[in-house]
Amino acid sequence: MKISDLKPGQKVTINGASAEYLGIQKVRIPKIGKTEKRVFRCEGVDVYKNYNLSEGSKTLKSEKIKLQNKL
């Protein structure tokens, strides 16, 4: 499965940290401006993990991302 196959709201684990995929959003980067990125929000802390749109073709396994099972 690729990063681009994820749907907003899906729960994943990134390097052992629980996170939620928020989809493609505009992100402000200092001294550059706004750009679109794939955004993950880590749960429990106010930390966001961003991936470039071109990285959507990478596999979840190569980026150490695991899907969480729904209970």
PDB file of N, CA and C in Angstrom:
ATOM      1  N   MET A   1       0.845  -1.177   0.000  1.00  0.00           N
ATOM      2  CA  MET A   1       0.000   0.000   0.000  1.00  0.00           C
ATOM      3  C   MET A   1       0.893   1.243   0.000  1.00  0.00           C
ATOM      4  N   LYS A   2       0.457   2.268  -0.712  1.00  0.00           N
ATOM      5  CA  LYS A   2       1.207   3.514  -0.819  1.00  0.00           C
ATOM      6  C   LYS A   2       0.613   4.573   0.106  1.00  0.00           C
ATOM      7  N   ILE A   3       1.395   5.611   0.373  1.00  0.00           N
ATOM      8  CA  ILE A   3       0.920   6.716   1.206  1.00  0.00           C
ATOM      9  C   ILE A   3      -0.289   7.384   0.556  1.00  0.00           C
ATOM     10  N   SER A   4      -0.299   7.476  -0.757  1.00  0.00           N
ATOM     11  CA  SER A   4      -1.407   8.127  -1.466  1.00  0.00           C
ATOM     12  C   SER A   4      -2.705   7.322  -1.369  1.00  0.00           C
ATOM     13  N   ASP A   5      -2.641   6.043  -0.975  1.00  0.00           N
ATOM     14  CA  ASP A   5      -3.837   5.211  -0.835  1.00  0.00           C
ATOM     15  C   ASP A   5      -4.571   5.451   0.485  1.00  0.00           C
ATOM     16  N   LEU A   6      -3.947   6.146   1.428  1.00  0.00           N
ATOM     17  CA  LEU A   6      -4.581   6.411   2.718  1.00  0.00           C
ATOM     18  C   LEU A   6      -5.740   7.388   2.552  1.00  0.00           C
ATOM     19  N   LYS A   7      -6.742   7.228   3.408  1.00  0.00           N
ATOM     20  CA  LYS A   7      -7.897   8.129   3.396  1.00  0.00           C
ATOM     21  C   LYS A   7      -7.850   8.997   4.652  1.00  0.00           C
ATOM     22  N   PRO A   8      -8.276  10.260   4.562  1.00  0.00           N
ATOM     23  CA  PRO A   8      -8.277  11.126   5.749  1.00  0.00           C
ATOM     24  C   PRO A   8      -9.051  10.482   6.899  1.00  0.00           C
ATOM     25  N   GLY A   9      -8.467  10.578   8.091  1.00  0.00           N
ATOM     26  CA  GLY A   9      -9.082  10.010   9.278  1.00  0.00           C
ATOM     27  C   GLY A   9      -8.549   8.641   9.651  1.00  0.00           C
ATOM     28  N   GLN A  10      -7.768   8.008   8.769  1.00  0.00           N
ATOM     29  CA  GLN A  10      -7.220   6.689   9.078  1.00  0.00           C
ATOM     30  C   GLN A  10      -6.154   6.808  10.148  1.00  0.00           C
ATOM     31  N   LYS A  11      -6.149   5.841  11.075  1.00  0.00           N
ATOM     32  CA  LYS A  11      -5.171   5.796  12.150  1.00  0.00           C
ATOM     33  C   LYS A  11      -3.982   4.952  11.703  1.00  0.00           C
ATOM     34  N   VAL A  12      -2.783   5.463  11.951  1.00  0.00           N
ATOM     35  CA  VAL A  12      -1.557   4.769  11.591  1.00  0.00           C
ATOM     36  C   VAL A  12      -0.556   4.881  12.741  1.00  0.00           C
ATOM     37  N   THR A  13       0.523   4.125  12.633  1.00  0.00           N
ATOM     38  CA  THR A  13       1.629   4.220  13.568  1.00  0.00           C
ATOM     39  C   THR A  13       2.867   4.586  12.763  1.00  0.00           C
ATOM     40  N   ILE A  14       3.520   5.692  13.135  1.00  0.00           N
ATOM     41  CA  ILE A  14       4.732   6.144  12.458  1.00  0.00           C
ATOM     42  C   ILE A  14       5.884   6.041  13.453  1.00  0.00           C
ATOM     43  N   ASN A  15       6.809   5.137  13.178  1.00  0.00           N
ATOM     44  CA  ASN A  15       7.959   4.915  14.072  1.00  0.00           C
ATOM     45  C   ASN A  15       7.523   4.715  15.527  1.00  0.00           C
ATOM     46  N   GLY A  16       6.450   3.973  15.744  1.00  0.00           N
ATOM     47  CA  GLY A  16       5.974   3.660  17.088  1.00  0.00           C
ATOM     48  C   GLY A  16       5.029   4.689  17.687  1.00  0.00           C
ATOM     49  N   ALA A  17       4.813   5.817  17.036  1.00  0.00           N
ATOM     50  CA  ALA A  17       3.922   6.856  17.541  1.00  0.00           C
ATOM     51  C   ALA A  17       2.580   6.783  16.814  1.00  0.00           C
ATOM     52  N   SER A  18       1.503   6.824  17.572  1.00  0.00           N
ATOM     53  CA  SER A  18       0.163   6.782  17.000  1.00  0.00           C
ATOM     54  C   SER A  18      -0.145   8.122  16.329  1.00  0.00           C
ATOM     55  N   ALA A  19      -0.722   8.064  15.122  1.00  0.00           N
ATOM     56  CA  ALA A  19      -1.012   9.285  14.372  1.00  0.00           C
ATOM     57  C   ALA A  19      -2.279   9.102  13.544  1.00  0.00           C
ATOM     58  N   GLU A  20      -2.831  10.224  13.103  1.00  0.00           N
ATOM     59  CA  GLU A  20      -4.018  10.221  12.248  1.00  0.00           C
ATOM     60  C   GLU A  20      -3.677  10.951  10.953  1.00  0.00           C
ATOM     61  N   TYR A  21      -4.060  10.362   9.814  1.00  0.00           N
ATOM     62  CA  TYR A  21      -3.813  10.982   8.516  1.00  0.00           C
ATOM     63  C   TYR A  21      -4.879  12.045   8.284  1.00  0.00           C
ATOM     64  N   LEU A  22      -4.451  13.279   8.017  1.00  0.00           N
ATOM     65  CA  LEU A  22      -5.374  14.392   7.809  1.00  0.00           C
ATOM     66  C   LEU A  22      -5.615  14.707   6.341  1.00  0.00           C
ATOM     67  N   GLY A  23      -4.828  14.119   5.445  1.00  0.00           N
ATOM     68  CA  GLY A  23      -4.987  14.366   4.024  1.00  0.00           C
ATOM     69  C   GLY A  23      -4.022  15.423   3.530  1.00  0.00           C
ATOM     70  N   ILE A  24      -4.305  15.958   2.354  1.00  0.00           N
ATOM     71  CA  ILE A  24      -3.449  16.982   1.755  1.00  0.00           C
ATOM     72  C   ILE A  24      -3.928  18.348   2.239  1.00  0.00           C
ATOM     73  N   GLN A  25      -3.002  19.099   2.836  1.00  0.00           N
ATOM     74  CA  GLN A  25      -3.335  20.412   3.368  1.00  0.00           C
ATOM     75  C   GLN A  25      -2.243  21.399   3.005  1.00  0.00           C
ATOM     76  N   LYS A  26      -2.602  22.691   3.032  1.00  0.00           N
ATOM     77  CA  LYS A  26      -1.600  23.737   2.810  1.00  0.00           C
ATOM     78  C   LYS A  26      -0.874  23.971   4.133  1.00  0.00           C
ATOM     79  N   VAL A  27       0.462  23.956   4.049  1.00  0.00           N
ATOM     80  CA  VAL A  27       1.311  24.118   5.221  1.00  0.00           C
ATOM     81  C   VAL A  27       2.217  25.318   4.988  1.00  0.00           C
ATOM     82  N   ARG A  28       2.361  26.159   6.023  1.00  0.00           N
ATOM     83  CA  ARG A  28       3.234  27.328   5.906  1.00  0.00           C
ATOM     84  C   ARG A  28       4.648  26.925   6.288  1.00  0.00           C
ATOM     85  N   ILE A  29       5.592  27.225   5.411  1.00  0.00           N
ATOM     86  CA  ILE A  29       7.002  26.951   5.642  1.00  0.00           C
ATOM     87  C   ILE A  29       7.716  28.298   5.742  1.00  0.00           C
ATOM     88  N   PRO A  30       8.441  28.524   6.851  1.00  0.00           N
ATOM     89  CA  PRO A  30       9.109  29.818   7.024  1.00  0.00           C
ATOM     90  C   PRO A  30      10.052  30.143   5.863  1.00  0.00           C
ATOM     91  N   LYS A  31      10.024  31.387   5.435  1.00  0.00           N
ATOM     92  CA  LYS A  31      10.868  31.949   4.371  1.00  0.00           C
ATOM     93  C   LYS A  31      10.576  31.375   2.987  1.00  0.00           C
ATOM     94  N   ILE A  32       9.585  30.509   2.860  1.00  0.00           N
ATOM     95  CA  ILE A  32       9.229  29.950   1.553  1.00  0.00           C
ATOM     96  C   ILE A  32       7.801  30.313   1.194  1.00  0.00           C
ATOM     97  N   GLY A  33       6.875  30.121   2.132  1.00  0.00           N
ATOM     98  CA  GLY A  33       5.467  30.399   1.884  1.00  0.00           C
ATOM     99  C   GLY A  33       4.633  29.174   2.142  1.00  0.00           C
ATOM    100  N   LYS A  34       3.467  29.105   1.524  1.00  0.00           N
ATOM    101  CA  LYS A  34       2.571  27.971   1.712  1.00  0.00           C
ATOM    102  C   LYS A  34       2.763  26.959   0.590  1.00  0.00           C
ATOM    103  N   THR A  35       2.693  25.681   0.951  1.00  0.00           N
ATOM    104  CA  THR A  35       2.799  24.596  -0.017  1.00  0.00           C
ATOM    105  C   THR A  35       1.898  23.459   0.433  1.00  0.00           C
ATOM    106  N   GLU A  36       1.480  22.621  -0.495  1.00  0.00           N
ATOM    107  CA  GLU A  36       0.621  21.492  -0.148  1.00  0.00           C
ATOM    108  C   GLU A  36       1.470  20.298   0.255  1.00  0.00           C
ATOM    109  N   LYS A  37       1.066  19.647   1.348  1.00  0.00           N
ATOM    110  CA  LYS A  37       1.780  18.481   1.862  1.00  0.00           C
ATOM    111  C   LYS A  37       0.763  17.472   2.379  1.00  0.00           C
ATOM    112  N   ARG A  38       1.207  16.217   2.494  1.00  0.00           N
ATOM    113  CA  ARG A  38       0.410  15.176   3.143  1.00  0.00           C
ATOM    114  C   ARG A  38       0.697  15.293   4.635  1.00  0.00           C
ATOM    115  N   VAL A  39      -0.350  15.436   5.451  1.00  0.00           N
ATOM    116  CA  VAL A  39      -0.176  15.766   6.860  1.00  0.00           C
ATOM    117  C   VAL A  39      -0.689  14.632   7.753  1.00  0.00           C
ATOM    118  N   PHE A  40       0.137  14.286   8.748  1.00  0.00           N
ATOM    119  CA  PHE A  40      -0.230  13.343   9.795  1.00  0.00           C
ATOM    120  C   PHE A  40      -0.155  14.084  11.121  1.00  0.00           C
ATOM    121  N   ARG A  41      -1.143  13.881  12.017  1.00  0.00           N
ATOM    122  CA  ARG A  41      -1.135  14.498  13.344  1.00  0.00           C
ATOM    123  C   ARG A  41      -0.906  13.409  14.382  1.00  0.00           C
ATOM    124  N   CYS A  42       0.168  13.532  15.147  1.00  0.00           N
ATOM    125  CA  CYS A  42       0.462  12.563  16.205  1.00  0.00           C
ATOM    126  C   CYS A  42      -0.509  12.779  17.356  1.00  0.00           C
ATOM    127  N   GLU A  43      -0.964  11.674  17.952  1.00  0.00           N
ATOM    128  CA  GLU A  43      -1.925  11.755  19.047  1.00  0.00           C
ATOM    129  C   GLU A  43      -1.205  11.906  20.381  1.00  0.00           C
ATOM    130  N   GLY A  44      -1.797  12.688  21.275  1.00  0.00           N
ATOM    131  CA  GLY A  44      -1.238  12.895  22.595  1.00  0.00           C
ATOM    132  C   GLY A  44      -0.313  14.103  22.685  1.00  0.00           C
ATOM    133  N   VAL A  45       0.292  14.496  21.587  1.00  0.00           N
ATOM    134  CA  VAL A  45       1.168  15.668  21.550  1.00  0.00           C
ATOM    135  C   VAL A  45       0.804  16.488  20.317  1.00  0.00           C
ATOM    136  N   ASP A  46       1.163  17.747  20.341  1.00  0.00           N
ATOM    137  CA  ASP A  46       0.831  18.633  19.217  1.00  0.00           C
ATOM    138  C   ASP A  46       1.975  18.629  18.206  1.00  0.00           C
ATOM    139  N   VAL A  47       2.176  17.463  17.558  1.00  0.00           N
ATOM    140  CA  VAL A  47       3.250  17.297  16.583  1.00  0.00           C
ATOM    141  C   VAL A  47       2.643  16.840  15.266  1.00  0.00           C
ATOM    142  N   TYR A  48       3.093  17.441  14.172  1.00  0.00           N
ATOM    143  CA  TYR A  48       2.613  17.092  12.841  1.00  0.00           C
ATOM    144  C   TYR A  48       3.773  16.558  12.013  1.00  0.00           C
ATOM    145  N   LYS A  49       3.520  15.514  11.239  1.00  0.00           N
ATOM    146  CA  LYS A  49       4.508  14.937  10.334  1.00  0.00           C
ATOM    147  C   LYS A  49       4.018  15.229   8.922  1.00  0.00           C
ATOM    148  N   ASN A  50       4.869  15.851   8.102  1.00  0.00           N
ATOM    149  CA  ASN A  50       4.499  16.244   6.742  1.00  0.00           C
ATOM    150  C   ASN A  50       5.317  15.481   5.721  1.00  0.00           C
ATOM    151  N   TYR A  51       4.670  15.106   4.628  1.00  0.00           N
ATOM    152  CA  TYR A  51       5.337  14.473   3.496  1.00  0.00           C
ATOM    153  C   TYR A  51       5.014  15.278   2.247  1.00  0.00           C
ATOM    154  N   ASN A  52       5.964  15.401   1.331  1.00  0.00           N
ATOM    155  CA  ASN A  52       5.719  16.065   0.053  1.00  0.00           C
ATOM    156  C   ASN A  52       4.722  15.260  -0.761  1.00  0.00           C
ATOM    157  N   LEU A  53       4.033  15.904  -1.679  1.00  0.00           N
ATOM    158  CA  LEU A  53       3.069  15.221  -2.531  1.00  0.00           C
ATOM    159  C   LEU A  53       3.750  14.141  -3.366  1.00  0.00           C
ATOM    160  N   SER A  54       4.985  14.388  -3.791  1.00  0.00           N
ATOM    161  CA  SER A  54       5.705  13.417  -4.612  1.00  0.00           C
ATOM    162  C   SER A  54       6.046  12.150  -3.826  1.00  0.00           C
ATOM    163  N   GLU A  55       6.055  12.223  -2.496  1.00  0.00           N
ATOM    164  CA  GLU A  55       6.338  11.051  -1.673  1.00  0.00           C
ATOM    165  C   GLU A  55       5.125  10.142  -1.517  1.00  0.00           C
ATOM    166  N   GLY A  56       4.015  10.499  -2.115  1.00  0.00           N
ATOM    167  CA  GLY A  56       2.804   9.684  -2.048  1.00  0.00           C
ATOM    168  C   GLY A  56       2.962   8.346  -2.732  1.00  0.00           C
ATOM    169  N   SER A  57       3.937   8.225  -3.621  1.00  0.00           N
ATOM    170  CA  SER A  57       4.151   6.962  -4.322  1.00  0.00           C
ATOM    171  C   SER A  57       5.009   5.987  -3.518  1.00  0.00           C
ATOM    172  N   LYS A  58       5.552   6.438  -2.384  1.00  0.00           N
ATOM    173  CA  LYS A  58       6.347   5.550  -1.536  1.00  0.00           C
ATOM    174  C   LYS A  58       5.435   4.589  -0.782  1.00  0.00           C
ATOM    175  N   THR A  59       5.955   3.400  -0.486  1.00  0.00           N
ATOM    176  CA  THR A  59       5.156   2.417   0.248  1.00  0.00           C
ATOM    177  C   THR A  59       5.173   2.741   1.741  1.00  0.00           C
ATOM    178  N   LEU A  60       4.138   2.276   2.432  1.00  0.00           N
ATOM    179  CA  LEU A  60       4.063   2.489   3.872  1.00  0.00           C
ATOM    180  C   LEU A  60       5.230   1.804   4.572  1.00  0.00           C
ATOM    181  N   LYS A  61       5.595   0.616   4.096  1.00  0.00           N
ATOM    182  CA  LYS A  61       6.677  -0.143   4.720  1.00  0.00           C
ATOM    183  C   LYS A  61       8.007   0.597   4.621  1.00  0.00           C
ATOM    184  N   SER A  62       8.285   1.224   3.484  1.00  0.00           N
ATOM    185  CA  SER A  62       9.548   1.934   3.310  1.00  0.00           C
ATOM    186  C   SER A  62       9.649   3.158   4.222  1.00  0.00           C
ATOM    187  N   GLU A  63       8.519   3.746   4.611  1.00  0.00           N
ATOM    188  CA  GLU A  63       8.496   4.922   5.478  1.00  0.00           C
ATOM    189  C   GLU A  63       8.213   4.550   6.936  1.00  0.00           C
ATOM    190  N   LYS A  64       8.191   3.249   7.249  1.00  0.00           N
ATOM    191  CA  LYS A  64       7.947   2.725   8.600  1.00  0.00           C
ATOM    192  C   LYS A  64       6.606   3.186   9.152  1.00  0.00           C
ATOM    193  N   ILE A  65       5.572   3.089   8.300  1.00  0.00           N
ATOM    194  CA  ILE A  65       4.208   3.435   8.680  1.00  0.00           C
ATOM    195  C   ILE A  65       3.389   2.152   8.688  1.00  0.00           C
ATOM    196  N   LYS A  66       2.636   1.929   9.770  1.00  0.00           N
ATOM    197  CA  LYS A  66       1.783   0.743   9.873  1.00  0.00           C
ATOM    198  C   LYS A  66       0.352   1.191  10.120  1.00  0.00           C
ATOM    199  N   LEU A  67      -0.589   0.517   9.450  1.00  0.00           N
ATOM    200  CA  LEU A  67      -2.008   0.796   9.693  1.00  0.00           C
ATOM    201  C   LEU A  67      -2.417   0.198  11.017  1.00  0.00           C
ATOM    202  N   GLN A  68      -3.276   0.931  11.752  1.00  0.00           N
ATOM    203  CA  GLN A  68      -3.800   0.405  13.007  1.00  0.00           C
ATOM    204  C   GLN A  68      -5.121  -0.286  12.709  1.00  0.00           C
ATOM    205  N   ASN A  69      -5.349  -1.392  13.349  1.00  0.00           N
ATOM    206  CA  ASN A  69      -6.598  -2.127  13.173  1.00  0.00           C
ATOM    207  C   ASN A  69      -7.718  -1.427  13.910  1.00  0.00           C
ATOM    208  N   LYS A  70      -8.879  -1.382  13.307  1.00  0.00           N
ATOM    209  CA  LYS A  70     -10.042  -0.806  13.974  1.00  0.00           C
ATOM    210  C   LYS A  70     -10.595  -1.842  14.931  1.00  0.00           C
ATOM    211  N   LEU A  71     -10.954  -1.389  16.137  1.00  0.00           N
ATOM    212  CA  LEU A  71     -11.510  -2.314  17.135  1.00  0.00           C
ATOM    213  C   LEU A  71     -13.006  -2.279  17.141  1.00  0.00           C
TER     214      LEU A  71
END
